[in-house]
C-alpha atoms as a PDB file:
ATOM      1  CA  MET A   1       6.779   3.595  13.730  1.00  0.00           C
ATOM      2  CA  ILE A   2       3.762   1.275  13.516  1.00  0.00           C
ATOM      3  CA  SER A   3       4.172   0.250  17.146  1.00  0.00           C
ATOM      4  CA  THR A   4       4.229   3.874  18.337  1.00  0.00           C
ATOM      5  CA  ASN A   5       1.276   4.833  16.157  1.00  0.00           C
ATOM      6  CA  LEU A   6      -0.774   1.837  17.232  1.00  0.00           C
ATOM      7  CA  LYS A   7      -0.223   2.619  20.921  1.00  0.00           C
ATOM      8  CA  ARG A   8      -1.008   6.303  20.415  1.00  0.00           C
ATOM      9  CA  LEU A   9      -4.157   5.649  18.380  1.00  0.00           C
ATOM     10  CA  ARG A  10      -5.447   3.110  20.901  1.00  0.00           C
ATOM     11  CA  SER A  11      -4.809   5.599  23.692  1.00  0.00           C
ATOM     12  CA  GLU A  12      -6.467   8.489  21.826  1.00  0.00           C
ATOM     13  CA  LYS A  13      -9.499   6.379  20.977  1.00  0.00           C
ATOM     14  CA  LYS A  14      -9.561   4.785  24.429  1.00  0.00           C
ATOM     15  CA  ILE A  15      -9.722   1.256  23.062  1.00  0.00           C
ATOM     16  CA  SER A  16      -8.195  -1.749  24.813  1.00  0.00           C
ATOM     17  CA  LEU A  17      -6.152  -4.440  23.094  1.00  0.00           C
ATOM     18  CA  ARG A  18      -9.012  -6.879  23.636  1.00  0.00           C
ATOM     19  CA  ALA A  19     -11.603  -4.507  22.115  1.00  0.00           C
ATOM     20  CA  LEU A  20      -9.352  -3.721  19.151  1.00  0.00           C
ATOM     21  CA  SER A  21      -8.651  -7.419  18.686  1.00  0.00           C
ATOM     22  CA  GLU A  22     -12.376  -8.144  18.458  1.00  0.00           C
ATOM     23  CA  LYS A  23     -13.136  -5.139  16.257  1.00  0.00           C
ATOM     24  CA  ALA A  24     -10.242  -5.810  13.846  1.00  0.00           C
ATOM     25  CA  ASP A  25     -10.497  -9.612  13.944  1.00  0.00           C
ATOM     26  CA  VAL A  26      -6.774  -9.774  14.730  1.00  0.00           C
ATOM     27  CA  SER A  27      -5.463 -11.780  17.677  1.00  0.00           C
ATOM     28  CA  LYS A  28      -4.628  -9.922  20.857  1.00  0.00           C
ATOM     29  CA  SER A  29      -1.125 -11.456  20.827  1.00  0.00           C
ATOM     30  CA  THR A  30      -0.492 -10.179  17.283  1.00  0.00           C
ATOM     31  CA  LEU A  31      -1.570  -6.678  18.296  1.00  0.00           C
ATOM     32  CA  SER A  32       0.612  -6.855  21.399  1.00  0.00           C
ATOM     33  CA  ASP A  33       3.589  -8.043  19.337  1.00  0.00           C
ATOM     34  CA  ILE A  34       3.112  -5.147  16.906  1.00  0.00           C
ATOM     35  CA  GLU A  35       2.811  -2.622  19.736  1.00  0.00           C
ATOM     36  CA  ASN A  36       5.906  -3.961  21.461  1.00  0.00           C
ATOM     37  CA  ASN A  37       7.869  -4.063  18.214  1.00  0.00           C
ATOM     38  CA  ASN A  38       8.278  -7.844  18.517  1.00  0.00           C
ATOM     39  CA  VAL A  39       7.369  -8.510  14.903  1.00  0.00           C
ATOM     40  CA  LYS A  40       9.615  -7.896  11.898  1.00  0.00           C
ATOM     41  CA  SER A  41       6.762  -7.561   9.417  1.00  0.00           C
ATOM     42  CA  THR A  42       3.042  -8.032   9.161  1.00  0.00           C
ATOM     43  CA  THR A  43       0.678  -8.599   6.267  1.00  0.00           C
ATOM     44  CA  ILE A  44      -1.115  -5.795   4.493  1.00  0.00           C
ATOM     45  CA  ASN A  45      -4.356  -7.611   5.306  1.00  0.00           C
ATOM     46  CA  THR A  46      -3.623  -7.347   9.044  1.00  0.00           C
ATOM     47  CA  LEU A  47      -2.684  -3.669   8.705  1.00  0.00           C
ATOM     48  CA  GLU A  48      -5.911  -2.985   6.787  1.00  0.00           C
ATOM     49  CA  LYS A  49      -7.996  -4.672   9.493  1.00  0.00           C
ATOM     50  CA  ILE A  50      -6.285  -2.683  12.246  1.00  0.00           C
ATOM     51  CA  ALA A  51      -6.517   0.600  10.331  1.00  0.00           C
ATOM     52  CA  ASP A  52     -10.212   0.035   9.555  1.00  0.00           C
ATOM     53  CA  ALA A  53     -10.950  -0.756  13.188  1.00  0.00           C
ATOM     54  CA  LEU A  54      -9.157   2.441  14.261  1.00  0.00           C
ATOM     55  CA  GLU A  55     -10.851   4.429  11.471  1.00  0.00           C
ATOM     56  CA  VAL A  56      -7.585   5.568   9.873  1.00  0.00           C
ATOM     57  CA  SER A  57      -5.828   4.722   6.622  1.00  0.00           C
ATOM     58  CA  VAL A  58      -3.031   2.167   6.444  1.00  0.00           C
ATOM     59  CA  GLY A  59      -0.803   5.052   5.362  1.00  0.00           C
ATOM     60  CA  TYR A  60      -1.675   6.898   8.559  1.00  0.00           C
ATOM     61  CA  LEU A  61      -1.048   3.804  10.671  1.00  0.00           C
ATOM     62  CA  ILE A  62       2.422   3.302   9.197  1.00  0.00           C
ATOM     63  CA  GLY A  63       3.207   7.031   9.208  1.00  0.00           C
ATOM     64  CA  GLU A  64       3.292   7.608   5.456  1.00  0.00           C
ATOM     65  CA  SER A  65       0.081   9.541   4.764  1.00  0.00           C
ATOM     66  CA  VAL A  66      -0.199  13.264   4.108  1.00  0.00           C
ATOM     67  CA  ASP A  67      -2.429  13.860   7.109  1.00  0.00           C
ATOM     68  CA  TYR A  68      -0.102  11.938   9.433  1.00  0.00           C
ATOM     69  CA  MET A  69       2.951  13.914   8.326  1.00  0.00           C
ATOM     70  CA  ILE A  70       1.128  17.229   8.672  1.00  0.00           C
ATOM     71  CA  GLU A  71      -0.270  16.342  12.113  1.00  0.00           C
ATOM     72  CA  LYS A  72       3.155  15.243  13.403  1.00  0.00           C
ATOM     73  CA  GLN A  73       4.781  18.463  12.198  1.00  0.00           C
ATOM     74  CA  LEU A  74       1.949  20.569  13.646  1.00  0.00           C
ATOM     75  CA  GLU A  75       2.512  18.843  17.010  1.00  0.00           C
ATOM     76  CA  LYS A  76       6.259  19.404  16.751  1.00  0.00           C
ATOM     77  CA  LEU A  77       5.758  23.121  16.005  1.00  0.00           C
ATOM     78  CA  ASN A  78       2.899  23.405  18.508  1.00  0.00           C
ATOM     79  CA  LEU A  79       0.551  24.719  15.813  1.00  0.00           C
ATOM     80  CA  SER A  80      -3.101  24.048  15.109  1.00  0.00           C
ATOM     81  CA  TYR A  81      -4.797  23.433  11.782  1.00  0.00           C
ATOM     82  CA  GLU A  82      -6.381  26.856  12.134  1.00  0.00           C
ATOM     83  CA  GLU A  83      -2.967  28.496  12.452  1.00  0.00           C
ATOM     84  CA  LEU A  84      -1.688  26.521   9.469  1.00  0.00           C
ATOM     85  CA  ALA A  85      -4.727  27.672   7.483  1.00  0.00           C
ATOM     86  CA  GLN A  86      -3.905  31.295   8.346  1.00  0.00           C
ATOM     87  CA  GLN A  87      -0.259  30.885   7.344  1.00  0.00           C
ATOM     88  CA  THR A  88      -1.050  29.155   4.034  1.00  0.00           C
ATOM     89  CA  GLY A  89      -4.292  30.858   3.067  1.00  0.00           C
ATOM     90  CA  LEU A  90      -5.884  27.421   2.669  1.00  0.00           C
ATOM     91  CA  ASN A  91      -9.199  26.252   4.096  1.00  0.00           C
ATOM     92  CA  VAL A  92      -9.037  24.347   7.409  1.00  0.00           C
ATOM     93  CA  ASN A  93     -11.353  21.606   6.108  1.00  0.00           C
ATOM     94  CA  TYR A  94      -9.184  21.209   3.029  1.00  0.00           C
ATOM     95  CA  LEU A  95      -6.099  20.814   5.225  1.00  0.00           C
ATOM     96  CA  LYS A  96      -7.794  18.296   7.501  1.00  0.00           C
ATOM     97  CA  ASN A  97      -9.075  16.242   4.572  1.00  0.00           C
ATOM     98  CA  LEU A  98      -6.049  16.181   2.285  1.00  0.00           C
ATOM     99  CA  ASN A  99      -5.913  12.434   2.729  1.00  0.00           C
ATOM    100  CA  ASN A 100      -9.244  12.143   0.928  1.00  0.00           C
ATOM    101  CA  VAL A 101      -8.520  14.220  -2.180  1.00  0.00           C
ATOM    102  CA  MET A 102      -7.879  12.814  -5.616  1.00  0.00           C
ATOM    103  CA  PRO A 103      -4.765  14.904  -6.268  1.00  0.00           C
ATOM    104  CA  ASP A 104      -4.610  17.346  -9.151  1.00  0.00           C
ATOM    105  CA  PRO A 105      -1.871  19.873 -10.052  1.00  0.00           C
ATOM    106  CA  HIS A 106      -3.433  22.472  -7.756  1.00  0.00           C
ATOM    107  CA  ASP A 107      -3.109  20.092  -4.782  1.00  0.00           C
ATOM    108  CA  TYR A 108       0.595  19.624  -5.508  1.00  0.00           C
ATOM    109  CA  GLN A 109       1.037  23.410  -5.491  1.00  0.00           C
ATOM    110  CA  ASN A 110      -0.785  23.551  -2.159  1.00  0.00           C
ATOM    111  CA  ILE A 111       1.466  20.820  -0.750  1.00  0.00           C
ATOM    112  CA  GLN A 112       4.489  22.978  -1.501  1.00  0.00           C
ATOM    113  CA  ILE A 113       2.876  25.900   0.337  1.00  0.00           C
ATOM    114  CA  ILE A 114       2.065  23.633   3.305  1.00  0.00           C
ATOM    115  CA  ALA A 115       5.597  22.199   3.368  1.00  0.00           C
ATOM    116  CA  LYS A 116       7.084  25.692   3.405  1.00  0.00           C
ATOM    117  CA  ALA A 117       4.787  26.790   6.239  1.00  0.00           C
ATOM    118  CA  LEU A 118       5.682  23.671   8.237  1.00  0.00           C
ATOM    119  CA  ASN A 119       9.378  23.972   7.430  1.00  0.00           C
ATOM    120  CA  ILE A 120       9.656  20.465   5.973  1.00  0.00           C
ATOM    121  CA  LYS A 121      10.887  19.157   2.650  1.00  0.00           C
ATOM    122  CA  PRO A 122       8.014  19.063   0.159  1.00  0.00           C
ATOM    123  CA  GLU A 123       9.192  15.779  -1.402  1.00  0.00           C
ATOM    124  CA  SER A 124       7.861  13.607   1.430  1.00  0.00           C
ATOM    125  CA  LEU A 125       4.434  15.253   1.281  1.00  0.00           C
ATOM    126  CA  ILE A 126       4.404  15.107  -2.527  1.00  0.00           C
ATOM    127  CA  THR A 127       5.250  11.395  -2.423  1.00  0.00           C
ATOM    128  CA  ALA A 128       2.498  10.717   0.108  1.00  0.00           C
ATOM    129  CA  LEU A 129      -0.008  12.690  -1.960  1.00  0.00           C
ATOM    130  CA  ALA A 130       1.021  10.868  -5.136  1.00  0.00           C
ATOM    131  CA  LYS A 131       0.145   7.549  -3.476  1.00  0.00           C
ATOM    132  CA  GLN A 132      -3.474   8.739  -3.437  1.00  0.00           C
ATOM    133  CA  GLU A 133      -3.630   8.983  -7.220  1.00  0.00           C
ATOM    134  CA  PRO A 134      -5.568   6.296  -9.060  1.00  0.00           C
ATOM    135  CA  PRO A 135      -3.554   3.842 -11.137  1.00  0.00           C
ATOM    136  CA  TYR A 136      -2.771   5.030 -14.642  1.00  0.00           C
ATOM    137  CA  TYR A 137      -3.755   2.857 -17.562  1.00  0.00           C
ATOM    138  CA  GLU A 138      -2.895   3.601 -21.145  1.00  0.00           C
ATOM    139  CA  THR A 139      -5.900   4.344 -23.312  1.00  0.00           C
ATOM    140  CA  ASN A 140      -4.979   1.838 -26.027  1.00  0.00           C
ATOM    141  CA  ARG A 141      -5.709  -1.194 -23.905  1.00  0.00           C
ATOM    142  CA  SER A 142      -6.412  -4.526 -25.473  1.00  0.00           C
ATOM    143  CA  THR A 143      -9.215  -6.840 -24.504  1.00  0.00           C
ATOM    144  CA  PRO A 144      -8.560 -10.195 -22.820  1.00  0.00           C
ATOM    145  CA  GLU A 145      -9.677 -11.857 -26.040  1.00  0.00           C
ATOM    146  CA  GLU A 146      -7.029  -9.949 -27.974  1.00  0.00           C
ATOM    147  CA  ASP A 147      -4.394 -10.682 -25.360  1.00  0.00           C
ATOM    148  CA  PHE A 148      -5.001 -14.416 -25.513  1.00  0.00           C
ATOM    149  CA  SER A 149      -5.925 -14.910 -29.137  1.00  0.00           C
ATOM    150  CA  GLU A 150      -4.905 -18.124 -30.851  1.00  0.00           C
ATOM    151  CA  THR A 151      -2.549 -16.264 -33.200  1.00  0.00           C
ATOM    152  CA  ASP A 152      -0.368 -15.276 -30.255  1.00  0.00           C
ATOM    153  CA  ALA A 153      -0.578 -18.628 -28.478  1.00  0.00           C
ATOM    154  CA  LEU A 154       2.671 -20.426 -27.766  1.00  0.00           C
ATOM    155  CA  SER A 155       3.128 -24.012 -28.780  1.00  0.00           C
ATOM    156  CA  ASP A 156       3.519 -26.693 -26.123  1.00  0.00           C
ATOM    157  CA  GLU A 157       7.196 -26.925 -27.031  1.00  0.00           C
ATOM    158  CA  GLU A 158       7.665 -23.150 -26.542  1.00  0.00           C
ATOM    159  CA  ILE A 159       5.815 -23.190 -23.205  1.00  0.00           C
ATOM    160  CA  PHE A 160       7.832 -26.118 -21.841  1.00  0.00           C
ATOM    161  CA  THR A 161      11.104 -24.638 -23.146  1.00  0.00           C
ATOM    162  CA  LEU A 162      10.364 -21.365 -21.344  1.00  0.00           C
ATOM    163  CA  ALA A 163       9.427 -23.250 -18.175  1.00  0.00           C
ATOM    164  CA  ALA A 164      12.636 -25.264 -18.350  1.00  0.00           C
ATOM    165  CA  GLN A 165      14.699 -22.096 -18.814  1.00  0.00           C
ATOM    166  CA  VAL A 166      13.092 -20.520 -15.763  1.00  0.00           C
ATOM    167  CA  ILE A 167      14.361 -23.373 -13.578  1.00  0.00           C
ATOM    168  CA  GLY A 168      17.827 -23.236 -15.117  1.00  0.00           C
ATOM    169  CA  TYR A 169      17.625 -25.950 -17.779  1.00  0.00           C
ATOM    170  CA  ASP A 170      19.591 -24.415 -20.633  1.00  0.00           C
ATOM    171  CA  THR A 171      19.930 -27.205 -23.191  1.00  0.00           C
ATOM    172  CA  PRO A 172      17.321 -27.712 -25.935  1.00  0.00           C
ATOM    173  CA  LEU A 173      14.404 -29.941 -24.970  1.00  0.00           C
ATOM    174  CA  THR A 174      13.922 -33.204 -26.803  1.00  0.00           C
ATOM    175  CA  GLU A 175      10.509 -34.626 -27.682  1.00  0.00           C
ATOM    176  CA  LYS A 176      11.045 -37.134 -24.863  1.00  0.00           C
ATOM    177  CA  ASP A 177      11.700 -34.275 -22.384  1.00  0.00           C
ATOM    178  CA  ILE A 178       8.497 -32.539 -23.449  1.00  0.00           C
ATOM    179  CA  GLU A 179       6.470 -35.758 -23.114  1.00  0.00           C
ATOM    180  CA  LYS A 180       7.894 -36.277 -19.607  1.00  0.00           C
ATOM    181  CA  MET A 181       6.948 -32.695 -18.685  1.00  0.00           C
ATOM    182  CA  LYS A 182       3.407 -33.180 -20.029  1.00  0.00           C
ATOM    183  CA  LEU A 183       3.040 -36.359 -17.985  1.00  0.00           C
ATOM    184  CA  ALA A 184       4.392 -34.641 -14.843  1.00  0.00           C
ATOM    185  CA  LEU A 185       1.947 -31.770 -15.385  1.00  0.00           C
ATOM    186  CA  LYS A 186      -1.011 -34.163 -15.753  1.00  0.00           C
ATOM    187  CA  VAL A 187      -0.009 -36.021 -12.595  1.00  0.00           C
ATOM    188  CA  ALA A 188       0.390 -32.740 -10.691  1.00  0.00           C
ATOM    189  CA  LEU A 189      -3.003 -31.444 -11.861  1.00  0.00           C
ATOM    190  CA  ASN A 190      -4.792 -34.685 -10.983  1.00  0.00           C
ATOM    191  CA  SER A 191      -3.390 -34.958  -7.451  1.00  0.00           C
END
């Protein structure tokens, strides 16, 4: 999907591979590989650079944003935003800028109306819209000082025992084992 979208966006914006490469600070060969589907995966950093250069969201570039899904379905049904606005009773500007809203319950109701008008399952649009929500943090958050207070600190023995368990060492550590680990840690930190 990324390859198709990248080609289409470059064509729509009339931008060459070389110009996009310079604007996005991504090599021309990387862009060509993405367009020709010769790459299994790419970094989010690369996608962000390309999306920024093309003035779209990463979600739009990879085909997972609300506006992308709506535009594709409008094309498929040969409808315009204006016609969708008439069918749904929603404002054209609202429809065109759904990707920029901080979703609230009303937006989720509107997404269901849009999905019905476009004859698509609302779940995909709801999922895309939900990705626009800010992260949720519980209100009873602790401070870093509280999180790392001395009363909660692990002893060296507990830290090394946990580290040993992570790498599969399942027998109790002796004092000699712990001293060896401390020495190895000092050597690793000083090199």
